[in-house]
C-alpha atoms as a PDB file:
ATOM      1  CA  MET A   1     106.569-128.572 194.761  1.00  0.00           C
ATOM      2  CA  ASN A   2     106.206-124.835 195.272  1.00  0.00           C
ATOM      3  CA  GLU A   3     103.629-124.478 192.536  1.00  0.00           C
ATOM      4  CA  SER A   4     101.537-127.386 193.781  1.00  0.00           C
ATOM      5  CA  GLY A   5     101.587-126.244 197.401  1.00  0.00           C
ATOM      6  CA  GLY A   6     103.395-129.394 198.528  1.00  0.00           C
ATOM      7  CA  HIS A   7     100.666-131.726 197.239  1.00  0.00           C
ATOM      8  CA  ILE A   8     103.006-133.377 194.721  1.00  0.00           C
ATOM      9  CA  SER A   9     106.275-134.995 195.828  1.00  0.00           C
ATOM     10  CA  MET A  10     109.455-134.848 193.768  1.00  0.00           C
ATOM     11  CA  THR A  11     110.249-137.957 191.731  1.00  0.00           C
ATOM     12  CA  LYS A  12     113.050-138.915 189.363  1.00  0.00           C
ATOM     13  CA  SER A  13     110.864-138.310 186.335  1.00  0.00           C
ATOM     14  CA  PHE A  14     110.089-134.788 187.595  1.00  0.00           C
ATOM     15  CA  PHE A  15     113.609-133.945 188.786  1.00  0.00           C
ATOM     16  CA  TRP A  16     115.553-134.290 185.540  1.00  0.00           C
ATOM     17  CA  PRO A  17     113.454-131.872 183.381  1.00  0.00           C
ATOM     18  CA  LYS A  18     113.438-129.278 186.177  1.00  0.00           C
ATOM     19  CA  PHE A  19     117.149-129.627 186.843  1.00  0.00           C
ATOM     20  CA  LYS A  20     118.083-129.453 183.143  1.00  0.00           C
ATOM     21  CA  ARG A  21     116.016-126.314 182.576  1.00  0.00           C
ATOM     22  CA  SER A  22     117.442-124.640 185.680  1.00  0.00           C
ATOM     23  CA  TRP A  23     120.997-125.639 184.721  1.00  0.00           C
ATOM     24  CA  ASP A  24     120.683-124.173 181.237  1.00  0.00           C
ATOM     25  CA  ARG A  25     119.305-120.884 182.604  1.00  0.00           C
ATOM     26  CA  ALA A  26     121.668-120.494 185.573  1.00  0.00           C
ATOM     27  CA  PHE A  27     125.103-121.651 184.408  1.00  0.00           C
ATOM     28  CA  THR A  28     125.846-118.957 181.842  1.00  0.00           C
ATOM     29  CA  GLU A  29     128.931-116.809 181.483  1.00  0.00           C
ATOM     30  CA  LYS A  30     127.037-113.679 182.472  1.00  0.00           C
ATOM     31  CA  ASN A  31     125.657-115.189 185.675  1.00  0.00           C
ATOM     32  CA  ILE A  32     129.031-116.646 186.689  1.00  0.00           C
ATOM     33  CA  GLN A  33     130.802-113.271 186.275  1.00  0.00           C
ATOM     34  CA  SER A  34     127.952-111.501 188.107  1.00  0.00           C
ATOM     35  CA  ALA A  35     128.295-113.941 191.010  1.00  0.00           C
ATOM     36  CA  PHE A  36     132.050-113.201 191.363  1.00  0.00           C
ATOM     37  CA  ARG A  37     131.399-109.478 191.112  1.00  0.00           C
ATOM     38  CA  LYS A  38     128.464-109.316 193.591  1.00  0.00           C
ATOM     39  CA  SER A  39     130.373-111.273 196.210  1.00  0.00           C
ATOM     40  CA  GLY A  40     133.453-109.026 195.862  1.00  0.00           C
ATOM     41  CA  ILE A  41     135.747-111.868 194.835  1.00  0.00           C
ATOM     42  CA  TRP A  42     136.603-110.372 191.433  1.00  0.00           C
ATOM     43  CA  PRO A  43     137.077-107.500 190.947  1.00  0.00           C
ATOM     44  CA  THR A  44     138.091-107.469 194.639  1.00  0.00           C
ATOM     45  CA  ASN A  45     135.796-105.271 196.736  1.00  0.00           C
ATOM     46  CA  GLY A  46     135.920-105.814 200.512  1.00  0.00           C
ATOM     47  CA  SER A  47     133.337-103.104 201.250  1.00  0.00           C
ATOM     48  CA  LEU A  48     130.590-105.344 199.873  1.00  0.00           C
ATOM     49  CA  ILE A  49     131.370-108.024 202.476  1.00  0.00           C
ATOM     50  CA  ILE A  50     131.546-105.437 205.305  1.00  0.00           C
ATOM     51  CA  LYS A  51     128.285-103.863 204.183  1.00  0.00           C
ATOM     52  CA  THR A  52     126.616-107.245 204.124  1.00  0.00           C
ATOM     53  CA  ILE A  53     127.644-108.243 207.649  1.00  0.00           C
ATOM     54  CA  THR A  54     127.001-104.803 209.202  1.00  0.00           C
ATOM     55  CA  ARG A  55     123.934-104.683 211.394  1.00  0.00           C
ATOM     56  CA  PRO A  56     121.404-102.196 210.010  1.00  0.00           C
ATOM     57  CA  ALA A  57     120.014 -99.430 212.209  1.00  0.00           C
ATOM     58  CA  LEU A  58     116.527-100.076 213.508  1.00  0.00           C
ATOM     59  CA  ALA A  59     113.924 -97.584 212.336  1.00  0.00           C
ATOM     60  CA  SER A  60     111.494 -96.217 214.882  1.00  0.00           C
ATOM     61  CA  PRO A  61     108.106 -97.898 214.485  1.00  0.00           C
ATOM     62  CA  GLU A  62     105.250 -95.692 213.397  1.00  0.00           C
ATOM     63  CA  LYS A  63     102.507 -95.065 215.909  1.00  0.00           C
ATOM     64  CA  PRO A  64      99.399 -96.960 214.897  1.00  0.00           C
ATOM     65  CA  SER A  65      96.426 -94.780 214.188  1.00  0.00           C
ATOM     66  CA  GLY A  66      93.151 -95.284 215.982  1.00  0.00           C
ATOM     67  CA  LEU A  67      91.464 -96.374 212.765  1.00  0.00           C
ATOM     68  CA  ARG A  68      90.975-100.083 212.217  1.00  0.00           C
ATOM     69  CA  PRO A  69      91.634-101.187 208.616  1.00  0.00           C
ATOM     70  CA  PRO A  70      88.576-102.822 207.034  1.00  0.00           C
ATOM     71  CA  ARG A  71      88.999-106.416 205.893  1.00  0.00           C
ATOM     72  CA  SER A  72      85.535-107.426 204.674  1.00  0.00           C
ATOM     73  CA  ALA A  73      83.067-105.892 202.232  1.00  0.00           C
ATOM     74  CA  LYS A  74      80.745-104.798 205.052  1.00  0.00           C
ATOM     75  CA  ALA A  75      83.620-103.106 206.936  1.00  0.00           C
ATOM     76  CA  ILE A  76      84.739-101.312 203.753  1.00  0.00           C
ATOM     77  CA  ARG A  77      81.214 -99.921 203.223  1.00  0.00           C
ATOM     78  CA  ARG A  78      81.101 -98.596 206.798  1.00  0.00           C
ATOM     79  CA  PHE A  79      84.579 -97.112 206.462  1.00  0.00           C
ATOM     80  CA  TYR A  80      83.558 -95.363 203.232  1.00  0.00           C
ATOM     81  CA  GLN A  81      80.503 -93.847 204.962  1.00  0.00           C
ATOM     82  CA  ALA A  82      82.728 -92.584 207.795  1.00  0.00           C
ATOM     83  CA  TYR A  83      85.237 -91.125 205.278  1.00  0.00           C
ATOM     84  CA  ASP A  84      82.409 -89.434 203.375  1.00  0.00           C
ATOM     85  CA  LYS A  85      81.270 -87.680 206.535  1.00  0.00           C
ATOM     86  CA  GLU A  86      84.767 -86.716 207.721  1.00  0.00           C
ATOM     87  CA  PRO A  87      87.613 -87.171 205.197  1.00  0.00           C
ATOM     88  CA  THR A  88      91.091 -87.214 206.761  1.00  0.00           C
ATOM     89  CA  ILE A  89      94.642 -88.155 205.738  1.00  0.00           C
ATOM     90  CA  ASP A  90      94.731 -91.073 208.191  1.00  0.00           C
ATOM     91  CA  LYS A  91      91.632 -92.560 206.638  1.00  0.00           C
ATOM     92  CA  VAL A  92      93.167 -92.256 203.170  1.00  0.00           C
ATOM     93  CA  LYS A  93      96.325 -94.081 204.336  1.00  0.00           C
ATOM     94  CA  THR A  94      94.181 -96.750 205.943  1.00  0.00           C
ATOM     95  CA  ILE A  95      92.290 -97.258 202.693  1.00  0.00           C
ATOM     96  CA  PHE A  96      95.578 -97.566 200.759  1.00  0.00           C
ATOM     97  CA  SER A  97      96.986-100.116 203.216  1.00  0.00           C
ATOM     98  CA  THR A  98      93.763-102.129 203.092  1.00  0.00           C
ATOM     99  CA  THR A  99      93.863-102.091 199.298  1.00  0.00           C
ATOM    100  CA  LEU A 100      97.447-103.375 199.292  1.00  0.00           C
ATOM    101  CA  HIS A 101      96.532-106.102 201.746  1.00  0.00           C
ATOM    102  CA  LEU A 102      93.566-107.289 199.686  1.00  0.00           C
ATOM    103  CA  VAL A 103      95.566-107.208 196.442  1.00  0.00           C
ATOM    104  CA  ALA A 104      98.284-109.318 198.086  1.00  0.00           C
ATOM    105  CA  ARG A 105      95.709-111.846 199.247  1.00  0.00           C
ATOM    106  CA  ILE A 106      94.254-112.052 195.743  1.00  0.00           C
ATOM    107  CA  SER A 107      97.719-112.620 194.285  1.00  0.00           C
ATOM    108  CA  ILE A 108      98.375-115.422 196.791  1.00  0.00           C
ATOM    109  CA  LEU A 109      95.061-117.108 195.998  1.00  0.00           C
ATOM    110  CA  GLU A 110      95.724-116.903 192.257  1.00  0.00           C
ATOM    111  CA  HIS A 111      99.166-118.421 192.791  1.00  0.00           C
ATOM    112  CA  GLU A 112      97.667-121.265 194.841  1.00  0.00           C
ATOM    113  CA  ASN A 113      95.026-121.919 192.173  1.00  0.00           C
ATOM    114  CA  ARG A 114      97.657-122.111 189.456  1.00  0.00           C
ATOM    115  CA  GLY A 115      99.687-124.447 191.627  1.00  0.00           C
ATOM    116  CA  LEU A 116      96.705-126.713 192.240  1.00  0.00           C
ATOM    117  CA  TYR A 117      95.970-126.950 188.516  1.00  0.00           C
ATOM    118  CA  LYS A 118      99.639-127.744 187.944  1.00  0.00           C
ATOM    119  CA  ALA A 119      99.489-130.411 190.667  1.00  0.00           C
ATOM    120  CA  ILE A 120      96.554-132.070 188.906  1.00  0.00           C
ATOM    121  CA  GLU A 121      98.483-132.146 185.633  1.00  0.00           C
ATOM    122  CA  LEU A 122     101.594-133.568 187.321  1.00  0.00           C
ATOM    123  CA  GLN A 123      99.525-136.205 189.084  1.00  0.00           C
ATOM    124  CA  LYS A 124      98.118-137.298 185.728  1.00  0.00           C
ATOM    125  CA  LYS A 125     101.639-137.556 184.303  1.00  0.00           C
ATOM    126  CA  LYS A 126     102.714-139.933 187.076  1.00  0.00           C
ATOM    127  CA  GLY A 127     100.739-142.780 185.546  1.00  0.00           C
ATOM    128  CA  ARG A 128     102.242-142.323 182.084  1.00  0.00           C
ATOM    129  CA  GLN A 129     105.138-144.250 180.672  1.00  0.00           C
ATOM    130  CA  GLY A 130     108.555-142.947 181.686  1.00  0.00           C
ATOM    131  CA  VAL A 131     111.590-142.116 179.628  1.00  0.00           C
ATOM    132  CA  ARG A 132     113.067-144.982 177.633  1.00  0.00           C
ATOM    133  CA  LEU A 133     116.428-146.242 178.895  1.00  0.00           C
ATOM    134  CA  ASN A 134     119.401-147.316 176.817  1.00  0.00           C
ATOM    135  CA  LEU A 135     121.353-150.575 177.113  1.00  0.00           C
ATOM    136  CA  ALA A 136     123.176-149.306 180.186  1.00  0.00           C
ATOM    137  CA  GLY A 137     119.944-148.380 181.974  1.00  0.00           C
ATOM    138  CA  GLU A 138     120.347-144.628 181.402  1.00  0.00           C
ATOM    139  CA  ALA A 139     117.898-142.143 179.931  1.00  0.00           C
ATOM    140  CA  ASN A 140     118.670-141.435 176.279  1.00  0.00           C
ATOM    141  CA  LYS A 141     115.922-138.971 175.467  1.00  0.00           C
ATOM    142  CA  GLY A 142     117.308-136.397 173.061  1.00  0.00           C
ATOM    143  CA  LEU A 143     120.807-137.927 173.210  1.00  0.00           C
ATOM    144  CA  VAL A 144     122.870-139.884 170.686  1.00  0.00           C
ATOM    145  CA  ASP A 145     123.894-143.358 171.851  1.00  0.00           C
ATOM    146  CA  CYS A 146     127.698-143.357 171.689  1.00  0.00           C
ATOM    147  CA  TYR A 147     129.228-146.258 173.623  1.00  0.00           C
ATOM    148  CA  SER A 148     132.783-146.093 174.873  1.00  0.00           C
ATOM    149  CA  PRO A 149     134.617-149.293 175.976  1.00  0.00           C
ATOM    150  CA  GLY A 150     133.774-148.564 179.600  1.00  0.00           C
ATOM    151  CA  LYS A 151     130.165-147.908 178.688  1.00  0.00           C
ATOM    152  CA  VAL A 152     130.019-151.186 176.724  1.00  0.00           C
ATOM    153  CA  VAL A 153     131.256-153.096 179.778  1.00  0.00           C
ATOM    154  CA  LYS A 154     128.683-151.278 181.916  1.00  0.00           C
ATOM    155  CA  ALA A 155     125.932-152.094 179.404  1.00  0.00           C
ATOM    156  CA  ARG A 156     126.916-155.800 179.409  1.00  0.00           C
ATOM    157  CA  GLU A 157     126.911-155.921 183.193  1.00  0.00           C
ATOM    158  CA  TYR A 158     123.547-154.173 183.271  1.00  0.00           C
ATOM    159  CA  GLN A 159     122.039-156.611 180.760  1.00  0.00           C
ATOM    160  CA  GLU A 160     123.472-159.630 182.618  1.00  0.00           C
ATOM    161  CA  GLU A 161     122.047-158.365 185.904  1.00  0.00           C
ATOM    162  CA  LYS A 162     118.717-157.711 184.222  1.00  0.00           C
ATOM    163  CA  GLU A 163     118.658-161.222 182.739  1.00  0.00           C
ATOM    164  CA  ARG A 164     119.598-162.746 186.096  1.00  0.00           C
ATOM    165  CA  LEU A 165     116.775-160.878 187.818  1.00  0.00           C
ATOM    166  CA  ARG A 166     114.343-162.006 185.105  1.00  0.00           C
ATOM    167  CA  ILE A 167     115.354-165.658 185.480  1.00  0.00           C
ATOM    168  CA  ALA A 168     115.109-165.427 189.274  1.00  0.00           C
ATOM    169  CA  GLU A 169     111.643-163.875 188.996  1.00  0.00           C
ATOM    170  CA  GLU A 170     110.495-166.611 186.581  1.00  0.00           C
ATOM    171  CA  GLU A 171     111.831-169.313 188.919  1.00  0.00           C
ATOM    172  CA  ALA A 172     110.028-167.697 191.845  1.00  0.00           C
ATOM    173  CA  LYS A 173     106.800-167.563 189.825  1.00  0.00           C
ATOM    174  CA  LEU A 174     107.181-171.232 188.828  1.00  0.00           C
ATOM    175  CA  GLU A 175     107.855-172.216 192.436  1.00  0.00           C
ATOM    176  CA  ARG A 176     104.784-170.313 193.614  1.00  0.00           C
ATOM    177  CA  LYS A 177     102.722-171.995 190.897  1.00  0.00           C
ATOM    178  CA  ILE A 178     103.946-175.457 191.925  1.00  0.00           C
ATOM    179  CA  GLN A 179     103.264-174.666 195.581  1.00  0.00           C
ATOM    180  CA  ARG A 180      99.733-173.547 194.739  1.00  0.00           C
ATOM    181  CA  ALA A 181      99.158-176.777 192.768  1.00  0.00           C
ATOM    182  CA  VAL A 182     100.484-178.875 195.671  1.00  0.00           C
ATOM    183  CA  ASN A 183      98.261-177.017 198.123  1.00  0.00           C
ATOM    184  CA  ALA A 184      95.241-177.477 195.862  1.00  0.00           C
ATOM    185  CA  LEU A 185      95.952-181.229 195.531  1.00  0.00           C
ATOM    186  CA  ARG A 186      96.413-181.574 199.293  1.00  0.00           C
ATOM    187  CA  ASN A 187      93.152-179.751 199.943  1.00  0.00           C
ATOM    188  CA  LYS A 188      91.366-181.974 197.406  1.00  0.00           C
ATOM    189  CA  GLU A 189      92.706-185.128 199.048  1.00  0.00           C
ATOM    190  CA  GLU A 190      91.703-183.881 202.493  1.00  0.00           C
ATOM    191  CA  LYS A 191      88.188-183.112 201.257  1.00  0.00           C
ATOM    192  CA  ALA A 192      87.913-186.570 199.622  1.00  0.00           C
ATOM    193  CA  LYS A 193      89.142-188.246 202.819  1.00  0.00           C
ATOM    194  CA  LYS A 194      86.627-186.330 204.935  1.00  0.00           C
ATOM    195  CA  ALA A 195      83.830-187.245 202.516  1.00  0.00           C
ATOM    196  CA  ALA A 196      84.845-190.936 202.638  1.00  0.00           C
ATOM    197  CA  ASP A 197      84.913-190.831 206.443  1.00  0.00           C
ATOM    198  CA  ARG A 198      81.459-189.304 206.531  1.00  0.00           C
ATOM    199  CA  GLU A 199      80.107-191.961 204.146  1.00  0.00           C
ATOM    200  CA  ALA A 200      81.724-194.774 206.190  1.00  0.00           C
ATOM    201  CA  LYS A 201      80.226-193.403 209.398  1.00  0.00           C
ATOM    202  CA  ALA A 202      76.811-193.138 207.738  1.00  0.00           C
ATOM    203  CA  VAL A 203      77.016-196.751 206.452  1.00  0.00           C
ATOM    204  CA  GLN A 204      78.165-197.992 209.861  1.00  0.00           C
ATOM    205  CA  LYS A 205      75.320-196.176 211.556  1.00  0.00           C
ATOM    206  CA  GLN A 206      72.822-197.612 209.074  1.00  0.00           C
ATOM    207  CA  LEU A 207      74.142-201.160 209.619  1.00  0.00           C
ATOM    208  CA  ALA A 208      73.947-200.731 213.403  1.00  0.00           C
ATOM    209  CA  GLY A 209      70.345-199.598 213.074  1.00  0.00           C
ATOM    210  CA  ASP A 210      69.466-202.536 210.829  1.00  0.00           C
ATOM    211  CA  LEU A 211      71.065-205.013 213.260  1.00  0.00           C
ATOM    212  CA  GLU A 212      69.193-203.492 216.174  1.00  0.00           C
ATOM    213  CA  VAL A 213      65.922-203.790 214.314  1.00  0.00           C
ATOM    214  CA  ALA A 214      66.697-207.398 213.318  1.00  0.00           C
ATOM    215  CA  ASN A 215      67.571-208.427 216.898  1.00  0.00           C
ATOM    216  CA  LYS A 216      64.328-207.109 218.371  1.00  0.00           C
ATOM    217  CA  PRO A 217      61.736-209.914 219.116  1.00  0.00           C
ATOM    218  CA  ALA A 218      58.830-210.005 216.742  1.00  0.00           C
ATOM    219  CA  LYS A 219      55.600-208.702 218.166  1.00  0.00           C
ATOM    220  CA  LYS A 220      52.851-211.318 218.566  1.00  0.00           C
ATOM    221  CA  ALA A 221      49.742-210.773 216.559  1.00  0.00           C
ATOM    222  CA  PRO A 222      46.805-209.859 218.771  1.00  0.00           C
ATOM    223  CA  LYS A 223      44.436-212.738 219.338  1.00  0.00           C
ATOM    224  CA  LYS A 224      40.921-212.342 218.156  1.00  0.00           C
ATOM    225  CA  GLN A 225      38.664-212.320 221.191  1.00  0.00           C
ATOM    226  CA  PRO A 226      35.638-214.575 220.809  1.00  0.00           C
ATOM    227  CA  VAL A 227      32.250-213.075 221.134  1.00  0.00           C
ATOM    228  CA  SER A 228      31.109-213.635 224.680  1.00  0.00           C
ATOM    229  CA  THR A 229      27.642-215.076 225.239  1.00  0.00           C
ATOM    230  CA  ALA A 230      27.813-214.672 229.008  1.00  0.00           C
ATOM    231  CA  PRO A 231      24.952-212.197 229.364  1.00  0.00           C
ATOM    232  CA  ARG A 232      22.522-214.413 227.484  1.00  0.00           C
ATOM    233  CA  ALA A 233      23.655-217.711 229.039  1.00  0.00           C
ATOM    234  CA  LYS A 234      23.778-216.229 232.525  1.00  0.00           C
ATOM    235  CA  LYS A 235      19.982-216.041 232.753  1.00  0.00           C
ATOM    236  CA  ALA A 236      19.439-219.618 231.588  1.00  0.00           C
ATOM    237  CA  THR A 237      22.204-221.205 233.684  1.00  0.00           C
ATOM    238  CA  PRO A 238      20.943-222.677 237.032  1.00  0.00           C
ATOM    239  CA  VAL A 239      22.776-222.345 240.325  1.00  0.00           C
ATOM    240  CA  VAL A 240      24.002-225.724 241.591  1.00  0.00           C
ATOM    241  CA  SER A 241      24.757-226.257 245.276  1.00  0.00           C
ATOM    242  CA  THR A 242      27.364-228.856 246.163  1.00  0.00           C
ATOM    243  CA  LYS A 243      28.336-230.155 249.588  1.00  0.00           C
ATOM    244  CA  ARG A 244      31.536-231.946 250.253  1.00  0.00           C
ATOM    245  CA  LYS A 245      32.024-234.290 253.177  1.00  0.00           C
ATOM    246  CA  ALA A 246      35.476-234.597 254.694  1.00  0.00           C
ATOM    247  CA  PRO A 247      36.846-238.001 255.697  1.00  0.00           C
ATOM    248  CA  SER A 248      36.011-239.162 259.206  1.00  0.00           C
ATOM    249  CA  LYS A 249      39.571-239.505 260.330  1.00  0.00           C
ATOM    250  CA  ALA A 250      40.569-235.989 259.174  1.00  0.00           C
ATOM    251  CA  ARG A 251      39.676-232.865 260.882  1.00  0.00           C
ATOM    252  CA  ARG A 252      36.208-231.891 259.870  1.00  0.00           C
ATOM    253  CA  PRO A 253      36.254-228.465 258.274  1.00  0.00           C
ATOM    254  CA  ALA A 254      33.336-226.159 258.278  1.00  0.00           C
ATOM    255  CA  LYS A 255      30.708-226.718 255.707  1.00  0.00           C
ATOM    256  CA  VAL A 256      31.166-224.512 252.668  1.00  0.00           C
ATOM    257  CA  VAL A 257      28.424-223.919 250.223  1.00  0.00           C
ATOM    258  CA  VAL A 258      29.849-223.190 246.789  1.00  0.00           C
ATOM    259  CA  GLN A 259      27.635-221.603 244.251  1.00  0.00           C
ATOM    260  CA  GLN A 260      28.936-221.870 240.703  1.00  0.00           C
ATOM    261  CA  GLU A 261      27.563-220.394 237.581  1.00  0.00           C
ATOM    262  CA  VAL A 262      27.967-222.552 234.569  1.00  0.00           C
ATOM    263  CA  ILE A 263      28.705-220.363 231.531  1.00  0.00           C
ATOM    264  CA  PRO A 264      28.326-222.248 228.300  1.00  0.00           C
ATOM    265  CA  ARG A 265      30.707-221.326 225.450  1.00  0.00           C
ATOM    266  CA  ILE A 266      30.148-221.106 221.766  1.00  0.00           C
ATOM    267  CA  SER A 267      32.011-224.379 221.274  1.00  0.00           C
ATOM    268  CA  GLU A 268      29.549-226.403 223.386  1.00  0.00           C
ATOM    269  CA  VAL A 269      28.352-229.567 221.771  1.00  0.00           C
ATOM    270  CA  VAL A 270      24.664-230.293 222.021  1.00  0.00           C
ATOM    271  CA  THR A 271      23.768-233.911 221.728  1.00  0.00           C
ATOM    272  CA  SER A 272      20.368-235.420 221.588  1.00  0.00           C
ATOM    273  CA  GLY A 273      18.825-235.068 225.051  1.00  0.00           C
ATOM    274  CA  VAL A 274      22.096-233.931 226.761  1.00  0.00           C
ATOM    275  CA  ALA A 275      23.852-230.558 226.797  1.00  0.00           C
ATOM    276  CA  GLN A 276      27.390-230.405 228.079  1.00  0.00           C
ATOM    277  CA  ALA A 277      28.981-227.191 229.400  1.00  0.00           C
ATOM    278  CA  LYS A 278      32.555-226.862 230.565  1.00  0.00           C
ATOM    279  CA  SER A 279      33.188-224.590 233.513  1.00  0.00           C
ATOM    280  CA  SER A 280      36.485-223.336 234.831  1.00  0.00           C
ATOM    281  CA  THR A 281      36.733-226.366 237.206  1.00  0.00           C
ATOM    282  CA  ARG A 282      34.851-229.306 235.846  1.00  0.00           C
ATOM    283  CA  THR A 283      32.297-230.526 233.321  1.00  0.00           C
ATOM    284  CA  ILE A 284      28.704-230.791 234.389  1.00  0.00           C
ATOM    285  CA  THR A 285      26.156-232.834 232.495  1.00  0.00           C
ATOM    286  CA  LEU A 286      22.759-231.243 232.444  1.00  0.00           C
ATOM    287  CA  PRO A 287      19.477-232.989 231.705  1.00  0.00           C
ATOM    288  CA  GLN A 288      17.392-232.047 228.722  1.00  0.00           C
ATOM    289  CA  ARG A 289      14.998-230.056 230.756  1.00  0.00           C
ATOM    290  CA  PHE A 290      17.610-227.525 231.894  1.00  0.00           C
ATOM    291  CA  ARG A 291      18.329-226.457 228.411  1.00  0.00           C
END
């Protein structure tokens, strides 16, 4: 985590190799004896504890010089020109402190770059296959499988639990598969029912339209109008004046002169010497000379 700058989190696959390497390097006889000796436990040395808990004397801070340490390349060039004109001890100290600061920054950046490259490598390793486990579910990389009675019982329990989980997962998968099939069948039936309803509605609508058309009265064919000969017969038809006399006992109405135009039709029958024409009120027989 330190090398990667916190970009990679610690996992079980990363922890064991790091822990094993640190354990092998730290827990040695020399380090254990040095730890007892440095802490004053053995050989007993109480002055080490007193020296550790004693508050150190504060050193007087140095007065800052008026020179500002350069941090960029442009500032360093200006500072060099000023030192070339007037070299002093303060300027030399400032240059040394600036150099130390820049070297420290470079070291930090190099450390971060190495950590980022390491983070990329660790991230790639996350997708790889992990360490193979033994029958008890423990890592056996680089170890010899020696099973004690307790370990055998643990391995049996682990395998039984693993088999139980596998069976439960298969049953859950089968149940989900059956549920999906039931849902698909239900959806198919609903779609078929909707389609049948739509077809029934369409047939019913078509039948209603056919019945409505059948119940409508048939339209009469337009009669063919006969060719009128009124303009030609109008000139040849005489005007006949008729006078009607009312009975003596009844009230005598005013005399009315009715002028009627006799319009002969196409269906008039012409006999020898007599032409008959039918008007809207009565039939008038005309002599041969009025033809």
